Every structure is written in C-alpha cells, then in structure tokens.
C-alpha cells in the first residue's frame, strides 16, 4: 500500500485499515509461532504498512492543529 493511496482516505477509513492491519499482524505472528508461515517477508510488509498508516494519521492530525 502506498502513502499516496492512504492520504486519499478519510480518518474513519484509516482507522479501519489500521485495525485490519493489526489483526493481520497478529495472524502472521501466530503463524510464525506455530511454524506455518512460509513467506517470512510478510512480517516486514505488515509492520511497514502499519507504520505507514500511523504516519498518515499523524500527518492529518498535525494538519488540523
């Protein structure tokens, strides 16, 4: 997911996206713990997507203030 795509979304959509990504991260962590994860790069991608969403949310918050 690109930051430009995230900037086009409103605050509610970003919150939903963040919740979905956090659930996905939990799922990936459980797959790692049970040794079912075959694509380990998924961990890094999920973490970066979460950081991207949080950054865009913070930018929007600072823009309002």
N, C-alpha and C. Protein backbone atom coordinates (compact mmCIF):
# COMPACT_ATOMS: atom_id res chain seq x y z
N UNK A 1 0.83 -1.17 0.00
CA UNK A 1 0.00 0.00 0.00
C UNK A 1 0.88 1.24 0.00
N UNK A 2 0.51 2.20 -0.81
CA UNK A 2 1.31 3.41 -0.93
C UNK A 2 0.74 4.52 -0.05
N UNK A 3 1.61 5.42 0.37
CA UNK A 3 1.19 6.52 1.23
C UNK A 3 0.22 7.44 0.49
N UNK A 4 0.40 7.60 -0.80
CA UNK A 4 -0.50 8.46 -1.56
C UNK A 4 -1.92 7.90 -1.57
N UNK A 5 -2.06 6.59 -1.59
CA UNK A 5 -3.38 5.96 -1.52
C UNK A 5 -4.00 6.20 -0.15
N UNK A 6 -3.18 6.15 0.88
CA UNK A 6 -3.68 6.35 2.24
C UNK A 6 -4.09 7.80 2.47
N UNK A 7 -3.36 8.73 1.90
CA UNK A 7 -3.69 10.15 2.09
C UNK A 7 -5.04 10.51 1.48
N UNK A 8 -5.48 9.74 0.50
CA UNK A 8 -6.76 10.00 -0.14
C UNK A 8 -7.93 9.53 0.72
N UNK A 9 -7.67 8.71 1.73
CA UNK A 9 -8.74 8.17 2.58
C UNK A 9 -9.04 9.12 3.73
N UNK A 10 -10.27 9.02 4.26
CA UNK A 10 -10.65 9.83 5.41
C UNK A 10 -10.23 9.13 6.71
N UNK A 11 -10.46 9.80 7.82
CA UNK A 11 -9.99 9.31 9.11
C UNK A 11 -10.62 7.97 9.49
N UNK A 12 -11.90 7.82 9.21
CA UNK A 12 -12.58 6.56 9.53
C UNK A 12 -12.02 5.39 8.75
N UNK A 13 -11.74 5.62 7.47
CA UNK A 13 -11.18 4.55 6.65
C UNK A 13 -9.77 4.19 7.10
N UNK A 14 -9.01 5.18 7.53
CA UNK A 14 -7.66 4.91 8.03
C UNK A 14 -7.70 4.11 9.33
N UNK A 15 -8.65 4.43 10.18
CA UNK A 15 -8.80 3.69 11.44
C UNK A 15 -9.16 2.24 11.16
N UNK A 16 -10.06 2.02 10.21
CA UNK A 16 -10.44 0.66 9.84
C UNK A 16 -9.26 -0.09 9.23
N UNK A 17 -8.51 0.59 8.38
CA UNK A 17 -7.33 -0.01 7.75
C UNK A 17 -6.30 -0.42 8.81
N UNK A 18 -6.09 0.45 9.80
CA UNK A 18 -5.15 0.15 10.87
C UNK A 18 -5.60 -1.07 11.67
N UNK A 19 -6.89 -1.14 11.98
CA UNK A 19 -7.41 -2.29 12.72
C UNK A 19 -7.22 -3.58 11.92
N UNK A 20 -7.47 -3.52 10.62
CA UNK A 20 -7.29 -4.70 9.76
C UNK A 20 -5.82 -5.14 9.74
N UNK A 21 -4.93 -4.16 9.65
CA UNK A 21 -3.51 -4.49 9.61
C UNK A 21 -3.02 -5.07 10.94
N UNK A 22 -3.54 -4.55 12.04
CA UNK A 22 -3.15 -5.10 13.34
C UNK A 22 -3.64 -6.53 13.50
N UNK A 23 -4.84 -6.84 12.99
CA UNK A 23 -5.34 -8.22 13.01
C UNK A 23 -4.45 -9.11 12.14
N UNK A 24 -4.06 -8.58 10.98
CA UNK A 24 -3.20 -9.34 10.07
C UNK A 24 -1.84 -9.61 10.73
N UNK A 25 -1.32 -8.62 11.44
CA UNK A 25 -0.04 -8.80 12.12
C UNK A 25 -0.15 -9.88 13.19
N UNK A 26 -1.24 -9.89 13.93
CA UNK A 26 -1.45 -10.92 14.93
C UNK A 26 -1.50 -12.30 14.29
N UNK A 27 -2.20 -12.39 13.17
CA UNK A 27 -2.31 -13.65 12.45
C UNK A 27 -0.94 -14.13 11.97
N UNK A 28 -0.14 -13.22 11.46
CA UNK A 28 1.19 -13.58 10.97
C UNK A 28 2.07 -14.04 12.14
N UNK A 29 1.95 -13.35 13.28
CA UNK A 29 2.74 -13.76 14.45
C UNK A 29 2.35 -15.15 14.93
N UNK A 30 1.06 -15.46 14.87
CA UNK A 30 0.61 -16.80 15.27
C UNK A 30 1.12 -17.86 14.29
N UNK A 31 1.16 -17.53 13.02
CA UNK A 31 1.69 -18.46 12.03
C UNK A 31 3.18 -18.70 12.25
N UNK A 32 3.90 -17.66 12.65
CA UNK A 32 5.32 -17.82 12.96
C UNK A 32 5.48 -18.73 14.18
N UNK A 33 4.66 -18.50 15.19
CA UNK A 33 4.78 -19.28 16.43
C UNK A 33 4.47 -20.76 16.19
N UNK A 34 3.54 -21.05 15.28
CA UNK A 34 3.18 -22.44 15.01
C UNK A 34 3.93 -23.00 13.81
N UNK A 35 4.89 -22.26 13.31
CA UNK A 35 5.75 -22.64 12.19
C UNK A 35 4.95 -22.98 10.93
N UNK A 36 3.90 -22.20 10.67
CA UNK A 36 3.09 -22.39 9.48
C UNK A 36 3.36 -21.33 8.41
N UNK A 37 4.13 -20.31 8.76
CA UNK A 37 4.39 -19.21 7.83
C UNK A 37 5.50 -19.60 6.86
N UNK A 38 5.19 -19.56 5.57
CA UNK A 38 6.20 -19.90 4.57
C UNK A 38 6.86 -18.66 4.00
N UNK A 39 6.12 -17.55 3.94
CA UNK A 39 6.65 -16.31 3.38
C UNK A 39 6.98 -15.36 4.53
N UNK A 40 8.22 -15.40 5.00
CA UNK A 40 8.59 -14.60 6.17
C UNK A 40 8.67 -13.11 5.88
N UNK A 41 8.70 -12.71 4.62
CA UNK A 41 8.74 -11.29 4.30
C UNK A 41 7.41 -10.61 4.62
N UNK A 42 6.38 -11.40 4.86
CA UNK A 42 5.07 -10.88 5.20
C UNK A 42 5.10 -10.12 6.53
N UNK A 43 5.96 -10.53 7.43
CA UNK A 43 6.09 -9.87 8.73
C UNK A 43 6.52 -8.42 8.52
N UNK A 44 7.57 -8.23 7.75
CA UNK A 44 8.12 -6.91 7.50
C UNK A 44 7.13 -6.03 6.74
N UNK A 45 6.45 -6.58 5.75
CA UNK A 45 5.47 -5.82 4.97
C UNK A 45 4.34 -5.32 5.85
N UNK A 46 3.86 -6.18 6.73
CA UNK A 46 2.75 -5.80 7.61
C UNK A 46 3.18 -4.70 8.57
N UNK A 47 4.36 -4.84 9.14
CA UNK A 47 4.87 -3.81 10.07
C UNK A 47 5.01 -2.47 9.38
N UNK A 48 5.52 -2.48 8.16
CA UNK A 48 5.72 -1.22 7.43
C UNK A 48 4.39 -0.59 7.04
N UNK A 49 3.41 -1.42 6.68
CA UNK A 49 2.09 -0.89 6.35
C UNK A 49 1.44 -0.24 7.57
N UNK A 50 1.60 -0.85 8.73
CA UNK A 50 1.07 -0.28 9.97
C UNK A 50 1.73 1.07 10.23
N UNK A 51 3.03 1.14 10.08
CA UNK A 51 3.76 2.39 10.30
C UNK A 51 3.31 3.45 9.30
N UNK A 52 3.08 3.05 8.06
CA UNK A 52 2.64 3.98 7.03
C UNK A 52 1.27 4.59 7.39
N UNK A 53 0.35 3.73 7.83
CA UNK A 53 -0.99 4.21 8.18
C UNK A 53 -0.90 5.16 9.38
N UNK A 54 -0.12 4.79 10.39
CA UNK A 54 0.01 5.64 11.57
C UNK A 54 0.65 6.98 11.22
N UNK A 55 1.61 6.98 10.30
CA UNK A 55 2.24 8.22 9.88
C UNK A 55 1.26 9.13 9.18
N UNK A 56 0.46 8.58 8.28
CA UNK A 56 -0.53 9.38 7.56
C UNK A 56 -1.58 9.92 8.53
N UNK A 57 -1.98 9.11 9.51
CA UNK A 57 -2.94 9.58 10.51
C UNK A 57 -2.36 10.74 11.32
N UNK A 58 -1.10 10.63 11.67
CA UNK A 58 -0.44 11.70 12.44
C UNK A 58 -0.29 12.96 11.60
N UNK A 59 0.03 12.82 10.32
CA UNK A 59 0.12 13.98 9.43
C UNK A 59 -1.21 14.72 9.37
N UNK A 60 -2.30 13.96 9.25
CA UNK A 60 -3.62 14.56 9.19
C UNK A 60 -3.95 15.28 10.49
N UNK A 61 -3.55 14.68 11.61
CA UNK A 61 -3.79 15.28 12.91
C UNK A 61 -3.03 16.60 13.06
N UNK A 62 -1.80 16.63 12.61
CA UNK A 62 -0.99 17.84 12.71
C UNK A 62 -1.50 18.92 11.75
N UNK A 63 -2.02 18.50 10.62
CA UNK A 63 -2.54 19.46 9.65
C UNK A 63 -3.76 20.19 10.21
N UNK A 64 -4.58 19.47 11.00
CA UNK A 64 -5.77 20.09 11.61
C UNK A 64 -5.38 21.10 12.66
N UNK A 65 -4.31 20.82 13.39
CA UNK A 65 -3.90 21.69 14.51
C UNK A 65 -3.17 22.92 14.05
